[in-house]
N, C-alpha and C. Protein backbone atom coordinates (compact mmCIF):
# COMPACT_ATOMS: atom_id res chain seq x y z
N MET A 1 57.75 -102.12 -40.79
CA MET A 1 58.65 -101.26 -41.62
C MET A 1 57.85 -99.99 -41.89
N ASN A 2 58.64 -98.87 -41.71
CA ASN A 2 58.06 -97.55 -41.93
C ASN A 2 57.95 -97.24 -43.42
N THR A 3 57.29 -96.17 -43.72
CA THR A 3 56.97 -95.82 -45.13
C THR A 3 58.25 -95.54 -45.89
N LYS A 4 59.16 -94.78 -45.25
CA LYS A 4 60.43 -94.49 -45.97
C LYS A 4 61.21 -95.73 -46.24
N ALA A 5 61.28 -96.69 -45.31
CA ALA A 5 61.98 -97.92 -45.50
C ALA A 5 61.39 -98.73 -46.61
N LYS A 6 60.02 -98.80 -46.68
CA LYS A 6 59.37 -99.47 -47.74
C LYS A 6 59.73 -98.83 -49.14
N GLY A 7 59.69 -97.58 -49.22
CA GLY A 7 60.05 -96.90 -50.44
C GLY A 7 61.52 -97.20 -50.89
N THR A 8 62.40 -97.14 -49.92
CA THR A 8 63.77 -97.51 -50.20
C THR A 8 63.94 -98.87 -50.71
N LYS A 9 63.35 -99.81 -50.03
CA LYS A 9 63.36 -101.24 -50.41
C LYS A 9 62.89 -101.41 -51.86
N GLY A 10 61.76 -100.71 -52.15
CA GLY A 10 61.18 -100.80 -53.49
C GLY A 10 62.14 -100.25 -54.54
N GLU A 11 62.76 -99.12 -54.20
CA GLU A 11 63.75 -98.49 -55.18
C GLU A 11 64.89 -99.44 -55.35
N ARG A 12 65.41 -100.05 -54.39
CA ARG A 12 66.52 -101.00 -54.50
C ARG A 12 66.10 -102.26 -55.35
N GLU A 13 64.88 -102.67 -55.12
CA GLU A 13 64.42 -103.82 -55.95
C GLU A 13 64.43 -103.47 -57.50
N LEU A 14 64.00 -102.20 -57.86
CA LEU A 14 64.01 -101.80 -59.20
C LEU A 14 65.41 -101.64 -59.75
N VAL A 15 66.30 -101.07 -58.97
CA VAL A 15 67.73 -100.91 -59.35
C VAL A 15 68.35 -102.29 -59.67
N LYS A 16 68.07 -103.29 -58.79
CA LYS A 16 68.59 -104.59 -59.03
C LYS A 16 68.01 -105.23 -60.28
N PHE A 17 66.77 -105.09 -60.48
CA PHE A 17 66.12 -105.68 -61.71
C PHE A 17 66.68 -105.07 -62.95
N PHE A 18 66.78 -103.71 -62.96
CA PHE A 18 67.37 -103.10 -64.24
C PHE A 18 68.74 -103.56 -64.47
N ASN A 19 69.65 -103.54 -63.41
CA ASN A 19 71.01 -103.95 -63.53
C ASN A 19 71.17 -105.34 -64.00
N GLU A 20 70.31 -106.24 -63.49
CA GLU A 20 70.37 -107.67 -63.91
C GLU A 20 69.83 -107.87 -65.29
N ASN A 21 69.24 -106.91 -65.93
CA ASN A 21 68.70 -107.10 -67.24
C ASN A 21 69.33 -106.12 -68.23
N ASN A 22 70.66 -105.93 -68.08
CA ASN A 22 71.52 -105.20 -68.97
C ASN A 22 71.23 -103.74 -69.15
N TRP A 23 70.71 -103.12 -68.06
CA TRP A 23 70.55 -101.72 -68.05
C TRP A 23 71.52 -101.18 -66.97
N ALA A 24 71.92 -99.97 -67.09
CA ALA A 24 72.63 -99.29 -65.96
C ALA A 24 71.55 -98.57 -65.17
N CYS A 25 71.62 -98.67 -63.87
CA CYS A 25 70.55 -98.04 -63.01
C CYS A 25 71.11 -97.66 -61.69
N ILE A 26 70.78 -96.47 -61.16
CA ILE A 26 71.24 -96.07 -59.83
C ILE A 26 70.07 -95.48 -59.12
N ARG A 27 70.11 -95.56 -57.82
CA ARG A 27 69.23 -94.88 -56.90
C ARG A 27 69.74 -93.49 -56.55
N VAL A 28 69.01 -92.51 -56.65
CA VAL A 28 69.50 -91.13 -56.39
C VAL A 28 69.38 -90.81 -54.97
N ALA A 29 70.44 -90.69 -54.25
CA ALA A 29 70.44 -90.39 -52.82
C ALA A 29 69.89 -88.99 -52.62
N GLY A 30 69.01 -88.80 -51.62
CA GLY A 30 68.45 -87.52 -51.26
C GLY A 30 67.36 -87.03 -52.18
N SER A 31 66.91 -87.89 -53.11
CA SER A 31 65.82 -87.33 -53.97
C SER A 31 64.61 -87.09 -53.06
N GLY A 32 63.98 -86.03 -53.41
CA GLY A 32 62.80 -85.58 -52.62
C GLY A 32 63.24 -84.66 -51.47
N SER A 33 64.49 -84.67 -51.08
CA SER A 33 64.91 -83.79 -49.97
C SER A 33 66.03 -82.82 -50.39
N SER A 34 66.43 -82.99 -51.58
CA SER A 34 67.49 -82.04 -52.13
C SER A 34 66.81 -80.74 -52.58
N LYS A 35 67.53 -79.65 -52.63
CA LYS A 35 66.99 -78.43 -53.11
C LYS A 35 66.87 -78.41 -54.66
N TYR A 36 67.57 -79.41 -55.25
CA TYR A 36 67.50 -79.61 -56.75
C TYR A 36 66.58 -80.67 -57.09
N PRO A 37 65.87 -80.45 -58.18
CA PRO A 37 64.96 -81.61 -58.65
C PRO A 37 65.77 -82.84 -59.00
N SER A 38 65.27 -84.01 -58.51
CA SER A 38 65.93 -85.23 -58.87
C SER A 38 64.90 -86.39 -58.71
N PRO A 39 64.93 -87.36 -59.63
CA PRO A 39 64.08 -88.51 -59.55
C PRO A 39 64.57 -89.48 -58.52
N ASP A 40 63.80 -90.54 -58.24
CA ASP A 40 64.27 -91.54 -57.31
C ASP A 40 65.31 -92.48 -57.94
N ILE A 41 65.03 -92.86 -59.19
CA ILE A 41 66.11 -93.67 -59.80
C ILE A 41 66.33 -93.21 -61.30
N LEU A 42 67.53 -93.46 -61.78
CA LEU A 42 67.90 -93.26 -63.15
C LEU A 42 68.27 -94.54 -63.77
N ALA A 43 67.69 -94.89 -64.84
CA ALA A 43 67.94 -96.18 -65.60
C ALA A 43 68.21 -95.85 -67.04
N ALA A 44 69.23 -96.53 -67.63
CA ALA A 44 69.57 -96.24 -69.04
C ALA A 44 70.15 -97.47 -69.67
N ASN A 45 69.97 -97.57 -71.01
CA ASN A 45 70.75 -98.53 -71.81
C ASN A 45 71.29 -97.69 -73.04
N ALA A 46 71.75 -98.38 -74.03
CA ALA A 46 72.36 -97.66 -75.13
C ALA A 46 71.41 -96.75 -75.95
N VAL A 47 70.14 -97.02 -75.70
CA VAL A 47 69.09 -96.41 -76.51
C VAL A 47 68.21 -95.33 -75.72
N ARG A 48 67.98 -95.69 -74.43
CA ARG A 48 67.02 -94.84 -73.69
C ARG A 48 67.53 -94.43 -72.34
N ARG A 49 67.05 -93.34 -71.80
CA ARG A 49 67.29 -92.84 -70.46
C ARG A 49 65.98 -92.58 -69.79
N LEU A 50 65.85 -93.18 -68.51
CA LEU A 50 64.60 -93.02 -67.84
C LEU A 50 64.81 -92.40 -66.51
N ALA A 51 63.99 -91.39 -66.17
CA ALA A 51 64.06 -90.81 -64.86
C ALA A 51 62.70 -91.25 -64.14
N ILE A 52 62.77 -91.99 -63.05
CA ILE A 52 61.59 -92.53 -62.44
C ILE A 52 61.36 -92.06 -61.09
N GLU A 53 60.19 -91.59 -60.78
CA GLU A 53 59.72 -91.27 -59.40
C GLU A 53 59.01 -92.56 -58.95
N CYS A 54 59.36 -93.09 -57.84
CA CYS A 54 58.85 -94.39 -57.32
C CYS A 54 58.03 -94.20 -56.06
N LYS A 55 56.94 -94.95 -55.98
CA LYS A 55 56.14 -94.90 -54.78
C LYS A 55 55.61 -96.26 -54.43
N VAL A 56 55.66 -96.64 -53.21
CA VAL A 56 55.15 -97.89 -52.73
C VAL A 56 53.93 -97.47 -51.78
N THR A 57 52.75 -98.15 -51.98
CA THR A 57 51.59 -97.70 -51.17
C THR A 57 50.85 -98.90 -50.68
N LYS A 58 50.23 -98.71 -49.57
CA LYS A 58 49.32 -99.74 -49.04
C LYS A 58 47.86 -99.55 -49.43
N ASP A 59 47.65 -98.45 -50.09
CA ASP A 59 46.27 -98.05 -50.56
C ASP A 59 46.01 -98.51 -51.94
N LYS A 60 44.78 -98.26 -52.38
CA LYS A 60 44.40 -98.55 -53.76
C LYS A 60 44.51 -97.39 -54.67
N LYS A 61 44.98 -96.26 -54.12
CA LYS A 61 45.25 -95.07 -54.89
C LYS A 61 46.44 -94.31 -54.33
N LYS A 62 47.25 -93.86 -55.22
CA LYS A 62 48.48 -93.13 -54.79
C LYS A 62 48.43 -91.70 -55.38
N TYR A 63 48.70 -90.77 -54.49
CA TYR A 63 48.66 -89.31 -54.85
C TYR A 63 50.06 -88.75 -54.93
N PHE A 64 50.23 -87.85 -55.82
CA PHE A 64 51.51 -87.14 -56.06
C PHE A 64 51.19 -85.65 -55.97
N THR A 65 52.11 -84.88 -55.37
CA THR A 65 51.89 -83.41 -55.36
C THR A 65 52.30 -82.89 -56.75
N SER A 66 51.64 -81.76 -57.08
CA SER A 66 52.01 -81.13 -58.35
C SER A 66 53.53 -80.83 -58.38
N GLU A 67 54.10 -80.48 -57.27
CA GLU A 67 55.53 -80.21 -57.18
C GLU A 67 56.42 -81.40 -57.56
N GLU A 68 56.06 -82.57 -57.07
CA GLU A 68 56.76 -83.85 -57.42
C GLU A 68 56.72 -84.07 -58.93
N ILE A 69 55.55 -83.91 -59.50
CA ILE A 69 55.41 -84.17 -60.98
C ILE A 69 56.21 -83.16 -61.75
N GLU A 70 56.03 -81.88 -61.37
CA GLU A 70 56.87 -80.76 -62.11
C GLU A 70 58.30 -80.92 -61.91
N GLN A 71 58.76 -81.32 -60.77
CA GLN A 71 60.24 -81.53 -60.66
C GLN A 71 60.74 -82.67 -61.52
N LEU A 72 59.93 -83.75 -61.59
CA LEU A 72 60.31 -84.84 -62.47
C LEU A 72 60.43 -84.38 -63.94
N ARG A 73 59.37 -83.69 -64.35
CA ARG A 73 59.28 -83.12 -65.70
C ARG A 73 60.52 -82.20 -65.97
N PHE A 74 60.84 -81.32 -65.06
CA PHE A 74 61.93 -80.38 -65.18
C PHE A 74 63.20 -81.11 -65.32
N PHE A 75 63.49 -82.01 -64.35
CA PHE A 75 64.76 -82.79 -64.40
C PHE A 75 64.90 -83.59 -65.68
N SER A 76 63.84 -84.23 -66.13
CA SER A 76 63.84 -85.14 -67.28
C SER A 76 64.24 -84.33 -68.55
N ARG A 77 63.59 -83.11 -68.64
CA ARG A 77 63.84 -82.25 -69.81
C ARG A 77 65.37 -81.90 -69.83
N ARG A 78 65.93 -81.51 -68.63
CA ARG A 78 67.29 -81.09 -68.60
C ARG A 78 68.30 -82.27 -68.80
N PHE A 79 67.91 -83.38 -68.37
CA PHE A 79 68.74 -84.57 -68.46
C PHE A 79 68.63 -85.32 -69.76
N GLY A 80 67.57 -85.05 -70.49
CA GLY A 80 67.28 -85.73 -71.76
C GLY A 80 66.75 -87.09 -71.52
N ALA A 81 65.95 -87.22 -70.44
CA ALA A 81 65.34 -88.55 -70.10
C ALA A 81 63.86 -88.56 -70.31
N GLU A 82 63.35 -89.76 -70.35
CA GLU A 82 61.91 -89.96 -70.36
C GLU A 82 61.43 -89.87 -68.90
N SER A 83 60.28 -89.24 -68.68
CA SER A 83 59.68 -89.13 -67.29
C SER A 83 58.78 -90.24 -67.04
N TRP A 84 58.95 -91.00 -66.00
CA TRP A 84 58.04 -92.14 -65.64
C TRP A 84 57.78 -92.07 -64.16
N VAL A 85 56.60 -92.54 -63.79
CA VAL A 85 56.18 -92.78 -62.43
C VAL A 85 55.98 -94.21 -62.24
N GLY A 86 56.58 -94.76 -61.23
CA GLY A 86 56.40 -96.18 -60.84
C GLY A 86 55.61 -96.30 -59.53
N VAL A 87 54.63 -97.18 -59.51
CA VAL A 87 53.85 -97.37 -58.29
C VAL A 87 53.70 -98.84 -58.02
N ARG A 88 53.89 -99.17 -56.76
CA ARG A 88 53.74 -100.62 -56.31
C ARG A 88 52.57 -100.69 -55.29
N PHE A 89 51.54 -101.33 -55.73
CA PHE A 89 50.33 -101.51 -54.84
C PHE A 89 50.48 -102.84 -54.15
N PRO A 90 49.86 -103.04 -53.00
CA PRO A 90 49.94 -104.35 -52.30
C PRO A 90 49.62 -105.51 -53.10
N ASP A 91 50.40 -106.56 -53.06
CA ASP A 91 50.16 -107.85 -53.77
C ASP A 91 50.10 -107.69 -55.24
N HIS A 92 50.73 -106.62 -55.86
CA HIS A 92 50.74 -106.42 -57.29
C HIS A 92 52.21 -106.15 -57.71
N PRO A 93 52.49 -106.26 -58.99
CA PRO A 93 53.82 -105.88 -59.47
C PRO A 93 53.92 -104.38 -59.56
N TRP A 94 55.13 -103.95 -59.90
CA TRP A 94 55.31 -102.48 -60.15
C TRP A 94 54.51 -102.11 -61.43
N TYR A 95 53.91 -100.97 -61.41
CA TYR A 95 53.31 -100.45 -62.63
C TYR A 95 53.95 -99.11 -62.92
N PHE A 96 54.17 -98.82 -64.21
CA PHE A 96 54.84 -97.59 -64.64
C PHE A 96 53.92 -96.82 -65.57
N PHE A 97 54.01 -95.45 -65.45
CA PHE A 97 53.07 -94.57 -66.14
C PHE A 97 53.85 -93.42 -66.71
N MET A 98 53.47 -93.03 -67.98
CA MET A 98 53.89 -91.77 -68.51
C MET A 98 53.09 -90.68 -67.80
N LEU A 99 53.59 -89.46 -67.71
CA LEU A 99 52.87 -88.42 -66.96
C LEU A 99 51.54 -88.15 -67.58
N GLU A 100 51.34 -88.42 -68.87
CA GLU A 100 50.10 -88.18 -69.50
C GLU A 100 48.96 -89.13 -69.01
N ASP A 101 49.42 -90.24 -68.49
CA ASP A 101 48.49 -91.27 -68.04
C ASP A 101 48.10 -91.20 -66.53
N ILE A 102 48.61 -90.15 -65.87
CA ILE A 102 48.28 -89.89 -64.48
C ILE A 102 47.13 -88.90 -64.41
N GLU A 103 46.21 -89.13 -63.61
CA GLU A 103 45.02 -88.28 -63.49
C GLU A 103 45.42 -87.05 -62.66
N GLU A 104 45.08 -85.80 -63.31
CA GLU A 104 45.29 -84.57 -62.65
C GLU A 104 43.93 -84.26 -61.96
N THR A 105 43.98 -84.09 -60.63
CA THR A 105 42.77 -83.87 -59.86
C THR A 105 42.53 -82.41 -59.64
N GLY A 106 43.38 -81.57 -59.97
CA GLY A 106 43.31 -80.16 -59.74
C GLY A 106 44.36 -79.72 -58.67
N LYS A 107 44.32 -80.33 -57.58
CA LYS A 107 45.26 -80.01 -56.47
C LYS A 107 46.49 -80.93 -56.55
N CYS A 108 46.29 -82.17 -57.11
CA CYS A 108 47.43 -83.08 -57.14
C CYS A 108 47.16 -84.04 -58.27
N TRP A 109 47.98 -85.06 -58.30
CA TRP A 109 47.89 -86.12 -59.41
C TRP A 109 47.71 -87.44 -58.63
N ALA A 110 47.01 -88.36 -59.34
CA ALA A 110 46.68 -89.59 -58.73
C ALA A 110 46.71 -90.80 -59.72
N VAL A 111 47.05 -91.89 -59.15
CA VAL A 111 47.02 -93.18 -59.88
C VAL A 111 46.22 -94.19 -59.06
N SER A 112 45.33 -94.86 -59.61
CA SER A 112 44.60 -95.92 -58.87
C SER A 112 45.05 -97.29 -59.35
N LEU A 113 44.79 -98.25 -58.51
CA LEU A 113 45.06 -99.68 -58.88
C LEU A 113 44.27 -100.08 -60.17
N GLU A 114 43.04 -99.60 -60.20
CA GLU A 114 42.21 -99.85 -61.35
C GLU A 114 42.82 -99.29 -62.69
N THR A 115 43.30 -98.04 -62.63
CA THR A 115 44.00 -97.41 -63.78
C THR A 115 45.28 -98.18 -64.06
N ALA A 116 45.95 -98.53 -63.07
CA ALA A 116 47.27 -99.27 -63.19
C ALA A 116 47.11 -100.51 -64.06
N LYS A 117 45.99 -101.24 -63.72
CA LYS A 117 45.78 -102.50 -64.48
C LYS A 117 45.41 -102.21 -66.02
N ILE A 118 44.95 -101.04 -66.27
CA ILE A 118 44.55 -100.74 -67.65
C ILE A 118 45.70 -100.04 -68.41
N LYS A 119 46.27 -98.99 -67.84
CA LYS A 119 47.23 -98.15 -68.47
C LYS A 119 48.65 -98.35 -68.16
N GLY A 120 48.90 -98.98 -66.92
CA GLY A 120 50.25 -99.12 -66.41
C GLY A 120 51.05 -100.19 -67.22
N LEU A 121 52.34 -99.98 -67.24
CA LEU A 121 53.24 -100.96 -67.91
C LEU A 121 53.98 -101.67 -66.75
N LYS A 122 54.05 -102.96 -66.96
CA LYS A 122 54.93 -103.77 -66.02
C LYS A 122 56.39 -103.49 -66.39
N ILE A 123 57.31 -103.87 -65.50
CA ILE A 123 58.65 -103.38 -65.71
C ILE A 123 59.29 -103.99 -67.06
N GLU A 124 58.93 -105.25 -67.38
CA GLU A 124 59.40 -105.80 -68.65
C GLU A 124 58.85 -104.99 -69.84
N GLU A 125 57.58 -104.57 -69.75
CA GLU A 125 57.03 -103.79 -70.83
C GLU A 125 57.67 -102.36 -70.91
N LEU A 126 57.95 -101.80 -69.74
CA LEU A 126 58.68 -100.50 -69.72
C LEU A 126 60.04 -100.54 -70.40
N MET A 127 60.72 -101.66 -70.05
CA MET A 127 62.05 -101.83 -70.62
C MET A 127 62.03 -101.97 -72.19
N ASN A 128 60.95 -102.56 -72.74
CA ASN A 128 60.82 -102.75 -74.16
C ASN A 128 59.98 -101.67 -74.83
N PHE A 129 59.41 -100.71 -74.06
CA PHE A 129 58.55 -99.69 -74.59
C PHE A 129 59.29 -98.90 -75.70
N GLY A 130 58.63 -98.79 -76.86
CA GLY A 130 59.15 -98.01 -78.00
C GLY A 130 60.21 -98.68 -78.78
N LEU A 131 60.58 -99.96 -78.47
CA LEU A 131 61.66 -100.61 -79.23
C LEU A 131 61.07 -101.44 -80.33
């Protein structure tokens, strides 16, 4: 399975989980390739709106361009949503991060599996965060 297909499968997995747990959730078609900033998925309930950039990786560290992070921040502010980054490492659950919890390396942003285990929220924790 190629990288794009793995990412799409991961996004669909999250959409299914949110929808089956009383949230509304959609996958945004063309995210990352549109001229307008857009996250990979939008999820909401009566209380919260989440804009999530999702990545599936085979490595122990995942990098994000500054542009990806800035577009997520920009979209979230305009849409009135919380900005989150979701990363799925091999043989691990999804981990979710606030932008403040992602390491800025100077040229890009990074999340390691080690950091994920310490600072990352699992999906159930994300859904209940702040409630």
